[in-house]
Amino acid sequence: MLDQAKLIRTIYPTTDLSPPISSAIKRKPKIQFLDTGLLNYAANLQTEFLHVQDFNSMYKGYIVNHIAYQELIASTSAIRYTPRFWVRENANSNAEVDIVYEFENMLIPIEVKSGAKGRLRSLHEFIDRVDHNFGIRILANKLSIEEGLTRTGKQYKLLNLPYFCIGKIEEYIQWFINQE
């Protein structure tokens, strides 16, 4: 009922590696509140935010992930757009990419990190399975492009984007791919 009232969105993962994205409804979904402020209020976090110097480390990055999803939802003109995240098809797997973004004929993996760095094991797992070599990391850092190597040795390009750029993700992906 909360989902139908649009107070929350139930975001199911996908196991797809190329468009179109389908939902794996037998997998555990993420719950996205309508607004990050409402989430903080429901979790009784208001007073904690008054004393925080760095939101990146707060609650192991859950707040940063929530803000990233909220920004993606707000930046689209589609009425019922729901972002997706990727999980490896193996049910006992821990591999999870925070966001997969459908762009042209590709699913672009996006990891949201709650700091200036962060490991990318799941992103590497995803890139090893697709036929392109692009990945994105959203983090508290400057815009940059770097070359990476997955654990299996596949070379890829990684676009590092500051948090505030996620609202223009479509334009940044186009720019990033055109760099190649």
N, C-alpha and C. Protein backbone atom coordinates (compact mmCIF):
# COMPACT_ATOMS: atom_id res chain seq x y z
N MET A 1 0.82 -1.19 0.00
CA MET A 1 0.00 0.00 0.00
C MET A 1 0.87 1.26 0.00
N LEU A 2 1.97 1.23 0.76
CA LEU A 2 2.86 2.39 0.78
C LEU A 2 3.48 2.63 -0.59
N ASP A 3 3.77 1.55 -1.30
CA ASP A 3 4.32 1.66 -2.65
C ASP A 3 3.27 2.25 -3.59
N GLN A 4 2.05 1.79 -3.50
CA GLN A 4 0.99 2.31 -4.36
C GLN A 4 0.68 3.78 -4.05
N ALA A 5 0.84 4.17 -2.79
CA ALA A 5 0.63 5.57 -2.41
C ALA A 5 1.84 6.44 -2.76
N LYS A 6 2.88 5.81 -3.26
CA LYS A 6 4.11 6.48 -3.69
C LYS A 6 4.89 7.11 -2.53
N LEU A 7 4.71 6.57 -1.33
CA LEU A 7 5.52 7.02 -0.20
C LEU A 7 6.85 6.29 -0.16
N ILE A 8 6.84 5.09 -0.71
CA ILE A 8 8.07 4.31 -0.86
C ILE A 8 8.08 3.71 -2.26
N ARG A 9 9.25 3.26 -2.67
CA ARG A 9 9.37 2.46 -3.89
C ARG A 9 10.04 1.16 -3.50
N THR A 10 9.48 0.09 -3.98
CA THR A 10 10.09 -1.21 -3.78
C THR A 10 10.98 -1.44 -4.99
N ILE A 11 12.28 -1.50 -4.76
CA ILE A 11 13.25 -1.62 -5.85
C ILE A 11 13.80 -3.04 -5.85
N TYR A 12 13.41 -3.80 -6.86
CA TYR A 12 13.89 -5.17 -6.97
C TYR A 12 15.18 -5.20 -7.77
N PRO A 13 16.03 -6.16 -7.47
CA PRO A 13 17.28 -6.26 -8.24
C PRO A 13 17.02 -6.88 -9.61
N THR A 14 18.05 -6.87 -10.40
CA THR A 14 18.03 -7.57 -11.67
C THR A 14 19.25 -8.47 -11.72
N THR A 15 19.15 -9.52 -12.50
CA THR A 15 20.32 -10.36 -12.76
C THR A 15 20.73 -10.20 -14.22
N ASP A 16 20.05 -9.31 -14.94
CA ASP A 16 20.33 -9.08 -16.36
C ASP A 16 21.66 -8.38 -16.55
N LEU A 17 22.27 -8.66 -17.70
CA LEU A 17 23.54 -8.03 -18.05
C LEU A 17 23.42 -7.13 -19.28
N SER A 18 22.22 -7.11 -19.89
CA SER A 18 21.98 -6.24 -21.04
C SER A 18 20.49 -5.86 -21.03
N PRO A 19 20.16 -4.77 -21.70
CA PRO A 19 18.75 -4.34 -21.75
C PRO A 19 17.90 -5.34 -22.51
N PRO A 20 16.64 -5.38 -22.24
CA PRO A 20 15.89 -4.61 -21.25
C PRO A 20 16.07 -5.20 -19.85
N ILE A 21 15.90 -4.36 -18.85
CA ILE A 21 16.06 -4.79 -17.47
C ILE A 21 14.75 -5.41 -16.97
N SER A 22 14.87 -6.58 -16.39
CA SER A 22 13.71 -7.20 -15.75
C SER A 22 14.00 -7.33 -14.26
N SER A 23 12.94 -7.37 -13.48
CA SER A 23 13.09 -7.46 -12.03
C SER A 23 13.13 -8.92 -11.58
N ALA A 24 14.03 -9.21 -10.67
CA ALA A 24 14.10 -10.53 -10.05
C ALA A 24 13.24 -10.46 -8.78
N ILE A 25 11.93 -10.64 -8.95
CA ILE A 25 11.00 -10.39 -7.83
C ILE A 25 11.09 -11.45 -6.73
N LYS A 26 11.80 -12.51 -6.96
CA LYS A 26 12.00 -13.50 -5.89
C LYS A 26 13.18 -13.13 -5.01
N ARG A 27 13.91 -12.09 -5.40
CA ARG A 27 15.06 -11.61 -4.62
C ARG A 27 14.61 -10.52 -3.67
N LYS A 28 15.43 -10.27 -2.65
CA LYS A 28 15.13 -9.28 -1.64
C LYS A 28 15.23 -7.87 -2.23
N PRO A 29 14.16 -7.07 -2.12
CA PRO A 29 14.20 -5.70 -2.67
C PRO A 29 14.82 -4.72 -1.69
N LYS A 30 15.11 -3.52 -2.22
CA LYS A 30 15.48 -2.38 -1.39
C LYS A 30 14.24 -1.51 -1.27
N ILE A 31 14.14 -0.81 -0.18
CA ILE A 31 13.02 0.11 0.02
C ILE A 31 13.56 1.53 -0.08
N GLN A 32 12.94 2.32 -0.94
CA GLN A 32 13.34 3.71 -1.14
C GLN A 32 12.22 4.61 -0.66
N PHE A 33 12.48 5.38 0.39
CA PHE A 33 11.49 6.34 0.87
C PHE A 33 11.31 7.44 -0.18
N LEU A 34 10.18 8.09 -0.14
CA LEU A 34 9.89 9.20 -1.04
C LEU A 34 10.96 10.28 -0.94
N ASP A 35 11.48 10.49 0.27
CA ASP A 35 12.41 11.58 0.50
C ASP A 35 13.41 11.17 1.58
N THR A 36 14.66 11.55 1.42
CA THR A 36 15.70 11.21 2.39
C THR A 36 15.39 11.85 3.75
N GLY A 37 14.82 13.03 3.75
CA GLY A 37 14.44 13.67 5.00
C GLY A 37 13.40 12.85 5.76
N LEU A 38 12.43 12.27 5.02
CA LEU A 38 11.43 11.41 5.66
C LEU A 38 12.08 10.14 6.22
N LEU A 39 13.04 9.61 5.50
CA LEU A 39 13.76 8.44 5.99
C LEU A 39 14.46 8.77 7.30
N ASN A 40 15.15 9.89 7.34
CA ASN A 40 15.87 10.30 8.55
C ASN A 40 14.90 10.52 9.71
N TYR A 41 13.75 11.10 9.41
CA TYR A 41 12.75 11.33 10.46
C TYR A 41 12.20 9.99 10.97
N ALA A 42 11.87 9.08 10.05
CA ALA A 42 11.32 7.78 10.44
C ALA A 42 12.33 6.98 11.26
N ALA A 43 13.62 7.16 10.97
CA ALA A 43 14.67 6.45 11.71
C ALA A 43 15.12 7.23 12.95
N ASN A 44 14.47 8.37 13.19
CA ASN A 44 14.77 9.21 14.35
C ASN A 44 16.23 9.68 14.35
N LEU A 45 16.67 10.17 13.20
CA LEU A 45 18.07 10.59 13.05
C LEU A 45 18.25 12.11 13.03
N GLN A 46 17.21 12.87 13.26
CA GLN A 46 17.30 14.31 13.09
C GLN A 46 18.41 14.94 13.93
N THR A 47 18.47 14.65 15.20
CA THR A 47 19.46 15.31 16.05
C THR A 47 20.88 14.86 15.71
N GLU A 48 21.04 13.62 15.25
CA GLU A 48 22.38 13.16 14.87
C GLU A 48 22.94 13.97 13.71
N PHE A 49 22.08 14.38 12.78
CA PHE A 49 22.54 15.13 11.61
C PHE A 49 23.02 16.53 11.97
N LEU A 50 22.55 17.06 13.05
CA LEU A 50 22.98 18.39 13.46
C LEU A 50 24.45 18.44 13.86
N HIS A 51 25.01 17.32 14.28
CA HIS A 51 26.38 17.27 14.78
C HIS A 51 27.35 16.55 13.85
N VAL A 52 26.89 16.15 12.69
CA VAL A 52 27.73 15.38 11.78
C VAL A 52 28.56 16.30 10.91
N GLN A 53 29.86 16.03 10.82
CA GLN A 53 30.75 16.79 9.95
C GLN A 53 30.86 16.15 8.58
N ASP A 54 30.74 14.81 8.51
CA ASP A 54 30.93 14.07 7.26
C ASP A 54 29.82 13.04 7.11
N PHE A 55 28.90 13.29 6.19
CA PHE A 55 27.78 12.38 5.97
C PHE A 55 28.20 11.08 5.28
N ASN A 56 29.38 11.06 4.69
CA ASN A 56 29.83 9.87 3.96
C ASN A 56 29.90 8.63 4.83
N SER A 57 30.37 8.78 6.05
CA SER A 57 30.56 7.61 6.90
C SER A 57 29.31 7.25 7.70
N MET A 58 28.32 8.09 7.67
CA MET A 58 27.13 7.87 8.48
C MET A 58 26.36 6.65 8.01
N TYR A 59 26.13 5.74 8.91
CA TYR A 59 25.36 4.51 8.66
C TYR A 59 25.89 3.72 7.47
N LYS A 60 27.21 3.59 7.42
CA LYS A 60 27.91 2.76 6.42
C LYS A 60 27.51 3.11 4.98
N GLY A 61 27.18 4.34 4.73
CA GLY A 61 26.87 4.77 3.37
C GLY A 61 25.43 4.58 2.95
N TYR A 62 24.55 4.08 3.82
CA TYR A 62 23.16 3.87 3.42
C TYR A 62 22.48 5.19 3.06
N ILE A 63 22.79 6.25 3.79
CA ILE A 63 22.17 7.54 3.51
C ILE A 63 22.64 8.05 2.14
N VAL A 64 23.92 7.90 1.85
CA VAL A 64 24.45 8.33 0.55
C VAL A 64 23.80 7.54 -0.58
N ASN A 65 23.64 6.23 -0.40
CA ASN A 65 22.95 5.41 -1.41
C ASN A 65 21.52 5.90 -1.60
N HIS A 66 20.85 6.18 -0.51
CA HIS A 66 19.46 6.63 -0.59
C HIS A 66 19.37 7.95 -1.36
N ILE A 67 20.29 8.86 -1.07
CA ILE A 67 20.31 10.15 -1.78
C ILE A 67 20.56 9.94 -3.27
N ALA A 68 21.46 9.02 -3.62
CA ALA A 68 21.75 8.74 -5.03
C ALA A 68 20.50 8.23 -5.75
N TYR A 69 19.79 7.28 -5.14
CA TYR A 69 18.55 6.77 -5.74
C TYR A 69 17.52 7.89 -5.86
N GLN A 70 17.38 8.70 -4.83
CA GLN A 70 16.40 9.79 -4.85
C GLN A 70 16.72 10.77 -5.97
N GLU A 71 17.99 11.08 -6.15
CA GLU A 71 18.39 12.01 -7.20
C GLU A 71 18.12 11.43 -8.59
N LEU A 72 18.39 10.13 -8.77
CA LEU A 72 18.09 9.47 -10.05
C LEU A 72 16.60 9.53 -10.36
N ILE A 73 15.79 9.23 -9.38
CA ILE A 73 14.34 9.25 -9.56
C ILE A 73 13.87 10.65 -9.89
N ALA A 74 14.38 11.65 -9.18
CA ALA A 74 13.95 13.03 -9.39
C ALA A 74 14.40 13.59 -10.73
N SER A 75 15.50 13.08 -11.27
CA SER A 75 16.05 13.65 -12.50
C SER A 75 15.43 13.08 -13.77
N THR A 76 14.55 12.12 -13.65
CA THR A 76 13.93 11.55 -14.84
C THR A 76 12.52 12.13 -15.03
N SER A 77 12.09 12.14 -16.26
CA SER A 77 10.74 12.63 -16.55
C SER A 77 9.72 11.49 -16.57
N ALA A 78 10.20 10.26 -16.49
CA ALA A 78 9.28 9.11 -16.47
C ALA A 78 8.50 9.11 -15.16
N ILE A 79 7.21 8.90 -15.25
CA ILE A 79 6.34 8.99 -14.07
C ILE A 79 6.66 7.92 -13.04
N ARG A 80 6.90 6.73 -13.45
CA ARG A 80 7.09 5.63 -12.49
C ARG A 80 8.48 5.01 -12.64
N TYR A 81 9.48 5.82 -12.96
CA TYR A 81 10.84 5.31 -13.10
C TYR A 81 11.32 4.72 -11.77
N THR A 82 11.89 3.54 -11.86
CA THR A 82 12.48 2.90 -10.69
C THR A 82 13.88 2.44 -11.05
N PRO A 83 14.89 2.93 -10.35
CA PRO A 83 16.25 2.47 -10.63
C PRO A 83 16.36 0.98 -10.28
N ARG A 84 17.37 0.34 -10.80
CA ARG A 84 17.61 -1.07 -10.51
C ARG A 84 19.02 -1.25 -10.00
N PHE A 85 19.20 -2.29 -9.22
CA PHE A 85 20.53 -2.70 -8.81
C PHE A 85 20.73 -4.13 -9.28
N TRP A 86 21.98 -4.54 -9.39
CA TRP A 86 22.31 -5.85 -9.96
C TRP A 86 22.84 -6.77 -8.88
N VAL A 87 22.39 -8.02 -8.95
CA VAL A 87 22.94 -9.08 -8.11
C VAL A 87 23.32 -10.24 -9.01
N ARG A 88 24.38 -10.93 -8.62
CA ARG A 88 24.81 -12.09 -9.40
C ARG A 88 23.71 -13.14 -9.33
N GLU A 89 23.55 -13.88 -10.42
CA GLU A 89 22.45 -14.84 -10.52
C GLU A 89 22.48 -15.91 -9.43
N ASN A 90 23.65 -16.27 -8.97
CA ASN A 90 23.79 -17.25 -7.89
C ASN A 90 23.14 -16.69 -6.62
N ALA A 91 22.15 -17.39 -6.08
CA ALA A 91 21.40 -16.89 -4.93
C ALA A 91 22.27 -16.73 -3.69
N ASN A 92 23.35 -17.47 -3.57
CA ASN A 92 24.22 -17.38 -2.40
C ASN A 92 25.33 -16.34 -2.58
N SER A 93 25.23 -15.54 -3.61
CA SER A 93 26.27 -14.57 -3.94
C SER A 93 26.10 -13.29 -3.15
N ASN A 94 27.22 -12.65 -2.86
CA ASN A 94 27.20 -11.34 -2.22
C ASN A 94 27.46 -10.22 -3.22
N ALA A 95 27.69 -10.54 -4.49
CA ALA A 95 28.00 -9.52 -5.49
C ALA A 95 26.75 -8.68 -5.77
N GLU A 96 26.88 -7.37 -5.54
CA GLU A 96 25.77 -6.45 -5.77
C GLU A 96 26.32 -5.12 -6.25
N VAL A 97 25.87 -4.69 -7.41
CA VAL A 97 26.21 -3.37 -7.94
C VAL A 97 25.05 -2.44 -7.56
N ASP A 98 25.38 -1.29 -6.98
CA ASP A 98 24.37 -0.39 -6.41
C ASP A 98 23.30 0.03 -7.43
N ILE A 99 23.72 0.37 -8.64
CA ILE A 99 22.79 0.83 -9.67
C ILE A 99 23.25 0.29 -11.02
N VAL A 100 22.32 -0.19 -11.83
CA VAL A 100 22.63 -0.45 -13.24
C VAL A 100 21.75 0.51 -14.04
N TYR A 101 22.40 1.25 -14.91
CA TYR A 101 21.73 2.29 -15.67
C TYR A 101 21.68 1.88 -17.13
N GLU A 102 20.47 1.84 -17.67
CA GLU A 102 20.30 1.44 -19.07
C GLU A 102 20.64 2.62 -19.96
N PHE A 103 21.65 2.42 -20.81
CA PHE A 103 22.09 3.46 -21.73
C PHE A 103 22.34 2.83 -23.08
N GLU A 104 21.55 3.27 -24.08
CA GLU A 104 21.62 2.70 -25.42
C GLU A 104 21.48 1.18 -25.33
N ASN A 105 22.45 0.42 -25.76
CA ASN A 105 22.34 -1.04 -25.73
C ASN A 105 23.16 -1.66 -24.60
N MET A 106 23.44 -0.86 -23.56
CA MET A 106 24.29 -1.34 -22.46
C MET A 106 23.62 -1.11 -21.12
N LEU A 107 24.03 -1.92 -20.16
CA LEU A 107 23.74 -1.64 -18.76
C LEU A 107 25.05 -1.18 -18.14
N ILE A 108 25.08 0.03 -17.66
CA ILE A 108 26.28 0.62 -17.08
C ILE A 108 26.24 0.41 -15.57
N PRO A 109 27.26 -0.24 -15.00
CA PRO A 109 27.27 -0.43 -13.55
C PRO A 109 27.73 0.84 -12.84
N ILE A 110 27.03 1.18 -11.76
CA ILE A 110 27.35 2.37 -10.97
C ILE A 110 27.47 1.95 -9.51
N GLU A 111 28.61 2.23 -8.93
CA GLU A 111 28.83 1.99 -7.51
C GLU A 111 28.79 3.32 -6.78
N VAL A 112 28.06 3.38 -5.69
CA VAL A 112 27.99 4.58 -4.86
C VAL A 112 28.83 4.30 -3.63
N LYS A 113 29.87 5.09 -3.44
CA LYS A 113 30.79 4.89 -2.32
C LYS A 113 30.64 6.02 -1.32
N SER A 114 30.75 5.68 -0.06
CA SER A 114 30.55 6.68 1.00
C SER A 114 31.86 7.27 1.47
N GLY A 115 32.73 7.59 0.55
CA GLY A 115 34.01 8.19 0.89
C GLY A 115 34.73 8.60 -0.37
N ALA A 116 36.03 8.76 -0.26
CA ALA A 116 36.83 9.19 -1.41
C ALA A 116 37.40 8.02 -2.20
N LYS A 117 37.28 6.81 -1.72
CA LYS A 117 37.79 5.64 -2.43
C LYS A 117 36.74 4.54 -2.39
N GLY A 118 37.16 3.32 -2.19
CA GLY A 118 36.23 2.21 -2.08
C GLY A 118 36.61 1.08 -3.01
N ARG A 119 36.44 -0.13 -2.52
CA ARG A 119 36.73 -1.29 -3.35
C ARG A 119 35.61 -1.49 -4.36
N LEU A 120 35.92 -2.15 -5.45
CA LEU A 120 34.97 -2.30 -6.55
C LEU A 120 34.80 -3.76 -6.97
N ARG A 121 34.79 -4.68 -6.02
CA ARG A 121 34.72 -6.10 -6.37
C ARG A 121 33.47 -6.44 -7.19
N SER A 122 32.32 -5.95 -6.77
CA SER A 122 31.08 -6.27 -7.48
C SER A 122 31.05 -5.62 -8.86
N LEU A 123 31.56 -4.41 -8.96
CA LEU A 123 31.64 -3.74 -10.26
C LEU A 123 32.53 -4.54 -11.20
N HIS A 124 33.65 -5.05 -10.69
CA HIS A 124 34.54 -5.88 -11.50
C HIS A 124 33.83 -7.15 -11.94
N GLU A 125 33.09 -7.75 -11.05
CA GLU A 125 32.32 -8.96 -11.37
C GLU A 125 31.36 -8.69 -12.52
N PHE A 126 30.67 -7.55 -12.45
CA PHE A 126 29.73 -7.18 -13.50
C PHE A 126 30.44 -6.93 -14.82
N ILE A 127 31.52 -6.14 -14.79
CA ILE A 127 32.25 -5.80 -16.02
C ILE A 127 32.82 -7.05 -16.68
N ASP A 128 33.25 -8.01 -15.88
CA ASP A 128 33.76 -9.25 -16.45
C ASP A 128 32.69 -10.01 -17.24
N ARG A 129 31.43 -9.77 -16.95
CA ARG A 129 30.33 -10.53 -17.56
C ARG A 129 29.67 -9.82 -18.75
N VAL A 130 30.00 -8.54 -18.98
CA VAL A 130 29.35 -7.80 -20.06
C VAL A 130 30.32 -7.58 -21.22
N ASP A 131 29.77 -7.14 -22.35
CA ASP A 131 30.60 -6.96 -23.55
C ASP A 131 31.05 -5.51 -23.77
N HIS A 132 31.04 -4.70 -22.72
CA HIS A 132 31.60 -3.36 -22.79
C HIS A 132 32.58 -3.19 -21.63
N ASN A 133 33.26 -2.07 -21.60
CA ASN A 133 34.29 -1.87 -20.56
C ASN A 133 34.13 -0.53 -19.85
N PHE A 134 32.88 -0.20 -19.46
CA PHE A 134 32.60 1.07 -18.79
C PHE A 134 32.00 0.83 -17.42
N GLY A 135 32.44 1.62 -16.46
CA GLY A 135 31.87 1.59 -15.12
C GLY A 135 31.92 2.98 -14.53
N ILE A 136 31.06 3.21 -13.52
CA ILE A 136 30.99 4.52 -12.88
C ILE A 136 31.04 4.33 -11.38
N ARG A 137 31.75 5.25 -10.72
CA ARG A 137 31.80 5.28 -9.26
C ARG A 137 31.36 6.68 -8.84
N ILE A 138 30.32 6.75 -8.00
CA ILE A 138 29.85 8.00 -7.44
C ILE A 138 30.46 8.09 -6.05
N LEU A 139 31.17 9.20 -5.77
CA LEU A 139 31.87 9.30 -4.49
C LEU A 139 32.21 10.75 -4.16
N ALA A 140 32.74 10.95 -2.98
CA ALA A 140 33.15 12.29 -2.54
C ALA A 140 34.54 12.56 -3.09
N ASN A 141 34.60 12.96 -4.33
CA ASN A 141 35.88 13.17 -4.99
C ASN A 141 35.65 14.09 -6.17
N LYS A 142 36.67 14.25 -6.98
CA LYS A 142 36.58 15.08 -8.18
C LYS A 142 36.25 14.21 -9.39
N LEU A 143 35.69 14.85 -10.41
CA LEU A 143 35.43 14.16 -11.66
C LEU A 143 36.75 13.73 -12.28
N SER A 144 36.83 12.46 -12.64
CA SER A 144 38.03 11.95 -13.30
C SER A 144 37.69 10.66 -14.03
N ILE A 145 38.55 10.29 -14.93
CA ILE A 145 38.46 9.00 -15.61
C ILE A 145 39.76 8.27 -15.33
N GLU A 146 39.64 7.02 -14.95
CA GLU A 146 40.84 6.21 -14.72
C GLU A 146 40.69 4.86 -15.39
N GLU A 147 41.80 4.25 -15.63
CA GLU A 147 41.80 2.91 -16.20
C GLU A 147 41.88 1.91 -15.07
N GLY A 148 41.16 0.82 -15.24
CA GLY A 148 41.15 -0.22 -14.21
C GLY A 148 41.34 -1.58 -14.82
N LEU A 149 41.54 -2.54 -13.95
CA LEU A 149 41.74 -3.93 -14.34
C LEU A 149 40.94 -4.79 -13.39
N THR A 150 40.08 -5.64 -13.95
CA THR A 150 39.29 -6.53 -13.09
C THR A 150 40.19 -7.66 -12.59
N ARG A 151 39.65 -8.46 -11.69
CA ARG A 151 40.44 -9.56 -11.15
C ARG A 151 40.79 -10.61 -12.20
N THR A 152 40.01 -10.67 -13.28
CA THR A 152 40.32 -11.62 -14.36
C THR A 152 41.22 -11.01 -15.42
N GLY A 153 41.56 -9.73 -15.26
CA GLY A 153 42.47 -9.08 -16.20
C GLY A 153 41.81 -8.27 -17.29
N LYS A 154 40.49 -8.09 -17.27
CA LYS A 154 39.81 -7.28 -18.28
C LYS A 154 40.04 -5.80 -17.98
N GLN A 155 40.48 -5.05 -18.99
CA GLN A 155 40.69 -3.62 -18.83
C GLN A 155 39.36 -2.89 -18.99
N TYR A 156 39.19 -1.83 -18.20
CA TYR A 156 37.97 -1.04 -18.29
C TYR A 156 38.27 0.41 -17.93
N LYS A 157 37.33 1.27 -18.29
CA LYS A 157 37.40 2.70 -17.96
C LYS A 157 36.40 2.98 -16.84
N LEU A 158 36.85 3.74 -15.84
CA LEU A 158 36.03 4.07 -14.70
C LEU A 158 35.86 5.59 -14.63
N LEU A 159 34.61 6.02 -14.66
CA LEU A 159 34.30 7.44 -14.50
C LEU A 159 34.00 7.69 -13.03
N ASN A 160 34.77 8.55 -12.39
CA ASN A 160 34.53 8.95 -11.01
C ASN A 160 33.74 10.24 -11.04
N LEU A 161 32.57 10.22 -10.42
CA LEU A 161 31.70 11.40 -10.39
C LEU A 161 31.43 11.82 -8.95
N PRO A 162 31.49 13.12 -8.66
CA PRO A 162 31.07 13.59 -7.34
C PRO A 162 29.57 13.37 -7.16
N TYR A 163 29.13 13.27 -5.93
CA TYR A 163 27.73 12.99 -5.64
C TYR A 163 26.77 13.92 -6.37
N PHE A 164 27.08 15.20 -6.41
CA PHE A 164 26.13 16.18 -6.96
C PHE A 164 25.91 16.02 -8.46
N CYS A 165 26.70 15.20 -9.14
CA CYS A 165 26.56 15.02 -10.59
C CYS A 165 25.55 13.95 -10.98
N ILE A 166 25.05 13.19 -10.03
CA ILE A 166 24.18 12.06 -10.39
C ILE A 166 22.88 12.51 -11.06
N GLY A 167 22.44 13.71 -10.79
CA GLY A 167 21.23 14.22 -11.44
C GLY A 167 21.39 14.40 -12.94
N LYS A 168 22.60 14.45 -13.42
CA LYS A 168 22.89 14.59 -14.85
C LYS A 168 23.61 13.35 -15.38
N ILE A 169 23.30 12.19 -14.82
CA ILE A 169 24.04 10.97 -15.14
C ILE A 169 23.98 10.63 -16.63
N GLU A 170 22.85 10.84 -17.26
CA GLU A 170 22.70 10.53 -18.69
C GLU A 170 23.71 11.33 -19.52
N GLU A 171 23.85 12.62 -19.24
CA GLU A 171 24.79 13.46 -19.98
C GLU A 171 26.24 13.06 -19.70
N TYR A 172 26.53 12.72 -18.45
CA TYR A 172 27.89 12.30 -18.12
C TYR A 172 28.25 10.96 -18.77
N ILE A 173 27.30 10.04 -18.84
CA ILE A 173 27.57 8.76 -19.50
C ILE A 173 27.84 8.99 -20.98
N GLN A 174 27.03 9.84 -21.62
CA GLN A 174 27.24 10.15 -23.05
C GLN A 174 28.63 10.74 -23.25
N TRP A 175 29.00 11.69 -22.43
CA TRP A 175 30.33 12.33 -22.52
C TRP A 175 31.44 11.29 -22.30
N PHE A 176 31.28 10.46 -21.31
CA PHE A 176 32.26 9.43 -20.95
C PHE A 176 32.49 8.46 -22.10
N ILE A 177 31.42 7.96 -22.67
CA ILE A 177 31.53 6.99 -23.77
C ILE A 177 32.12 7.65 -25.01
N ASN A 178 31.78 8.90 -25.24
CA ASN A 178 32.34 9.63 -26.39
C ASN A 178 33.83 9.88 -26.24
N GLN A 179 34.36 9.84 -25.02
CA GLN A 179 35.80 9.99 -24.80
C GLN A 179 36.57 8.86 -25.45
N GLU A 180 35.93 7.73 -25.61
CA GLU A 180 36.56 6.56 -26.22
C GLU A 180 36.49 6.69 -27.72
